[in-house]
């Protein structure tokens, strides 16, 4: 058995289409998960004990179950509660909720790492909770949450491959079909691995660049 590069070039339009779907879903779900996770972290910190425990249970369930099961429940279980979604919307919603559970813990840890004395100083000068979040918590926690946030971004990118299970026409589904139809599994898997490796490297580089610039900004504004 030899590696046939012509299989890749002859199916290049389909491969590029699948790659585009993967990237679009990833670009949509990552900020959606981050924003939702941040709101949950804020609610848990400032919303009282009951809200904290309620969100804590939901997050424990989401983090304690595989994403494959969750996306099955969203897509195939949705019609039982009157929620019938096409594959792509179901994938975006499912992946956003899944990522939000992890982002909320990242932000919650970032909040907890800010010295209490800084928050107490803000209260003493009359800052509201919203002002404390904007002026104290967010600037100080940004450096702390950046590395784990980049890692979570990479994880969400990889999890887009699971969406092929619910017939989302992303790259994994596209290359799996090509491999099955033309018996070119090695070629298909090679392209798939190369694509995800390239995205991981680009994401890591951008995360490092953001961390460097943020460090310089903080240094020159001390």
Protein backbone atom coordinates (compact mmCIF):
# COMPACT_ATOMS: atom_id res chain seq x y z
CA UNK A 1 0.00 0.00 0.00
CA UNK A 2 1.40 3.39 -1.03
CA UNK A 3 0.53 6.94 -0.04
CA UNK A 4 -1.48 8.43 -2.91
CA UNK A 5 -1.24 12.22 -2.80
CA UNK A 6 -3.65 12.46 -5.73
CA UNK A 7 -6.49 11.43 -3.44
CA UNK A 8 -5.99 14.66 -1.52
CA UNK A 9 -5.79 16.91 -4.58
CA UNK A 10 -8.75 15.28 -6.32
CA UNK A 11 -10.94 15.89 -3.27
CA UNK A 12 -9.49 19.28 -2.33
CA UNK A 13 -12.77 21.27 -2.66
CA UNK A 14 -14.57 18.89 -0.26
CA UNK A 15 -11.62 18.94 2.14
CA UNK A 16 -11.46 22.75 2.16
CA UNK A 17 -15.22 22.94 2.70
CA UNK A 18 -14.99 20.59 5.69
CA UNK A 19 -12.04 22.54 7.09
CA UNK A 20 -13.98 25.78 6.75
CA UNK A 21 -16.96 24.35 8.65
CA UNK A 22 -14.63 23.18 11.42
CA UNK A 23 -12.95 26.58 11.73
CA UNK A 24 -16.24 28.51 11.69
CA UNK A 25 -17.76 26.33 14.41
CA UNK A 26 -14.59 26.67 16.48
CA UNK A 27 -14.49 30.47 16.05
CA UNK A 28 -18.15 30.77 17.09
CA UNK A 29 -18.14 28.38 20.03
CA UNK A 30 -14.91 29.50 21.70
CA UNK A 31 -15.94 33.12 22.48
CA UNK A 32 -19.51 31.98 23.21
CA UNK A 33 -18.21 29.46 25.75
CA UNK A 34 -15.82 32.00 27.25
CA UNK A 35 -18.51 34.67 27.69
CA UNK A 36 -21.02 32.21 29.13
CA UNK A 37 -18.37 30.77 31.42
CA UNK A 38 -17.41 34.24 32.62
CA UNK A 39 -21.04 35.11 33.41
CA UNK A 40 -21.43 31.86 35.34
CA UNK A 41 -18.23 32.57 37.29
CA UNK A 42 -19.47 36.07 38.17
CA UNK A 43 -22.87 34.69 39.21
CA UNK A 44 -21.24 32.07 41.43
CA UNK A 45 -19.03 34.65 43.10
CA UNK A 46 -21.56 37.42 43.63
CA UNK A 47 -24.93 35.68 43.35
CA UNK A 48 -25.11 34.10 46.78
CA UNK A 49 -24.75 30.59 48.17
CA UNK A 50 -27.80 29.07 46.49
CA UNK A 51 -26.82 30.26 43.02
CA UNK A 52 -23.27 29.10 43.59
CA UNK A 53 -24.37 25.60 44.57
CA UNK A 54 -26.89 25.34 41.72
CA UNK A 55 -24.31 26.28 39.09
CA UNK A 56 -21.78 24.07 40.84
CA UNK A 57 -24.00 21.02 40.34
CA UNK A 58 -24.59 21.80 36.65
CA UNK A 59 -20.88 22.33 36.05
CA UNK A 60 -20.01 19.10 37.85
CA UNK A 61 -22.37 17.19 35.57
CA UNK A 62 -21.01 18.81 32.40
CA UNK A 63 -17.40 18.25 33.40
CA UNK A 64 -18.08 14.73 34.63
CA UNK A 65 -19.69 13.38 31.45
CA UNK A 66 -18.11 12.91 28.00
CA UNK A 67 -18.89 15.49 25.36
CA UNK A 68 -20.04 12.69 23.06
CA UNK A 69 -22.90 11.88 25.42
CA UNK A 70 -23.81 15.54 25.81
CA UNK A 71 -24.01 16.16 22.06
CA UNK A 72 -26.14 13.04 21.65
CA UNK A 73 -28.55 14.39 24.27
CA UNK A 74 -28.73 17.81 22.60
CA UNK A 75 -29.26 16.47 19.09
CA UNK A 76 -31.23 13.26 19.58
CA UNK A 77 -32.82 14.06 22.94
CA UNK A 78 -33.88 17.58 22.07
CA UNK A 79 -37.05 16.58 20.17
CA UNK A 80 -38.39 14.88 23.33
CA UNK A 81 -38.53 18.30 25.02
CA UNK A 82 -39.63 20.22 21.93
CA UNK A 83 -36.14 21.26 20.83
CA UNK A 84 -35.46 20.05 17.30
CA UNK A 85 -32.17 21.35 15.93
CA UNK A 86 -30.23 20.87 12.72
CA UNK A 87 -26.77 19.32 13.12
CA UNK A 88 -24.72 22.54 12.97
CA UNK A 89 -26.84 24.57 15.46
CA UNK A 90 -26.94 21.55 17.77
CA UNK A 91 -23.17 21.25 17.54
CA UNK A 92 -22.59 24.94 18.23
CA UNK A 93 -24.94 24.94 21.24
CA UNK A 94 -23.59 21.70 22.65
CA UNK A 95 -19.93 22.67 22.27
CA UNK A 96 -20.55 26.15 23.70
CA UNK A 97 -22.23 24.77 26.82
CA UNK A 98 -19.53 22.13 27.23
CA UNK A 99 -16.76 24.72 26.97
CA UNK A 100 -18.58 27.16 29.27
CA UNK A 101 -18.40 24.67 32.14
CA UNK A 102 -14.61 24.61 31.91
CA UNK A 103 -14.19 28.32 31.24
CA UNK A 104 -16.31 29.10 34.31
CA UNK A 105 -13.88 27.16 36.49
CA UNK A 106 -10.92 28.91 34.88
CA UNK A 107 -12.42 32.33 35.61
CA UNK A 108 -13.56 31.30 39.09
CA UNK A 109 -10.00 30.26 39.91
CA UNK A 110 -8.77 33.56 38.52
CA UNK A 111 -11.15 35.48 40.74
CA UNK A 112 -10.05 33.47 43.77
CA UNK A 113 -6.38 34.21 43.05
CA UNK A 114 -6.84 37.98 43.35
CA UNK A 115 -5.74 39.10 46.85
CA UNK A 116 -8.70 39.87 49.09
CA UNK A 117 -6.99 43.03 50.28
CA UNK A 118 -7.31 44.55 46.83
CA UNK A 119 -11.06 43.91 46.80
CA UNK A 120 -11.46 45.26 50.34
CA UNK A 121 -9.60 48.40 49.30
CA UNK A 122 -12.06 48.87 46.43
CA UNK A 123 -14.99 48.50 48.80
CA UNK A 124 -13.45 51.02 51.19
CA UNK A 125 -13.25 53.68 48.49
CA UNK A 126 -16.89 53.09 47.53
CA UNK A 127 -16.61 50.99 44.38
CA UNK A 128 -19.67 48.98 43.38
CA UNK A 129 -19.47 45.25 42.58
CA UNK A 130 -19.47 46.04 38.87
CA UNK A 131 -16.63 48.53 39.29
CA UNK A 132 -14.66 46.06 41.40
CA UNK A 133 -14.99 43.49 38.64
CA UNK A 134 -13.95 45.91 35.89
CA UNK A 135 -11.20 47.80 37.69
CA UNK A 136 -9.71 45.22 40.04
CA UNK A 137 -10.66 41.62 39.31
CA UNK A 138 -10.48 41.63 35.50
CA UNK A 139 -7.07 43.37 35.14
CA UNK A 140 -5.43 41.23 37.81
CA UNK A 141 -6.91 37.90 36.75
CA UNK A 142 -6.22 38.28 33.02
CA UNK A 143 -2.62 37.09 33.19
CA UNK A 144 -3.62 34.19 35.42
CA UNK A 145 -6.40 32.85 33.18
CA UNK A 146 -4.71 33.39 29.81
CA UNK A 147 -2.64 30.14 29.67
CA UNK A 148 -5.49 27.81 30.76
CA UNK A 149 -7.86 29.69 28.44
CA UNK A 150 -5.56 29.01 25.50
CA UNK A 151 -5.47 25.34 26.47
CA UNK A 152 -9.26 25.26 26.64
CA UNK A 153 -9.44 26.89 23.22
CA UNK A 154 -7.29 24.07 21.84
CA UNK A 155 -9.49 21.46 23.52
CA UNK A 156 -12.63 22.94 21.98
CA UNK A 157 -10.96 22.92 18.58
CA UNK A 158 -10.20 19.21 18.92
CA UNK A 159 -13.70 18.44 20.18
CA UNK A 160 -15.18 19.71 16.92
CA UNK A 161 -14.21 16.30 15.52
CA UNK A 162 -16.90 14.72 17.73
CA UNK A 163 -19.58 16.66 15.85
CA UNK A 164 -19.13 14.29 12.91
CA UNK A 165 -21.18 11.82 14.97
CA UNK A 166 -24.30 13.97 14.47
CA UNK A 167 -23.56 14.44 10.75
CA UNK A 168 -22.06 17.91 10.97
CA UNK A 169 -20.12 18.25 7.66
CA UNK A 170 -16.85 19.26 9.31
CA UNK A 171 -13.42 17.99 8.34
CA UNK A 172 -13.48 14.71 10.25
CA UNK A 173 -16.78 13.69 8.65
CA UNK A 174 -15.57 14.77 5.21
CA UNK A 175 -12.26 12.90 5.38
CA UNK A 176 -13.89 9.83 6.91
CA UNK A 177 -16.25 9.68 3.94
CA UNK A 178 -13.37 10.11 1.48
CA UNK A 179 -11.38 7.41 3.21
CA UNK A 180 -14.30 4.98 3.13
CA UNK A 181 -15.27 5.65 -0.46
CA UNK A 182 -11.77 5.50 -1.93
CA UNK A 183 -10.10 3.19 0.59
CA UNK A 184 -7.64 5.98 1.36
CA UNK A 185 -7.72 5.91 5.16
CA UNK A 186 -4.01 6.68 5.57
CA UNK A 187 -4.22 9.74 3.34
CA UNK A 188 -7.40 10.97 5.03
CA UNK A 189 -6.03 10.54 8.54
CA UNK A 190 -2.76 12.20 7.54
CA UNK A 191 -4.56 15.32 6.30
CA UNK A 192 -6.78 15.36 9.40
CA UNK A 193 -3.83 15.10 11.78
CA UNK A 194 -1.87 17.75 9.87
CA UNK A 195 -4.83 20.15 9.94
CA UNK A 196 -5.38 19.89 13.69
CA UNK A 197 -1.64 20.04 14.42
CA UNK A 198 -1.36 23.26 12.40
CA UNK A 199 -4.30 24.83 14.25
CA UNK A 200 -2.85 23.85 17.62
CA UNK A 201 0.53 25.39 16.74
CA UNK A 202 -1.07 28.61 15.47
CA UNK A 203 -3.25 28.90 18.57
CA UNK A 204 -0.31 28.29 20.88
CA UNK A 205 1.75 30.92 19.06
CA UNK A 206 -1.03 33.49 19.27
CA UNK A 207 -1.53 32.72 22.96
CA UNK A 208 2.19 33.20 23.63
CA UNK A 209 2.15 36.46 21.67
CA UNK A 210 -0.83 37.73 23.66
CA UNK A 211 0.84 36.79 26.93
CA UNK A 212 4.04 38.59 25.95
CA UNK A 213 2.23 41.77 24.92
CA UNK A 214 0.08 41.72 28.05
CA UNK A 215 3.15 41.30 30.24
CA UNK A 216 4.84 44.28 28.57
CA UNK A 217 1.67 46.37 28.94
CA UNK A 218 1.45 45.62 32.64
CA UNK A 219 5.16 46.29 33.12
CA UNK A 220 5.04 49.71 31.49
CA UNK A 221 1.89 50.66 33.39
CA UNK A 222 3.13 49.81 36.86
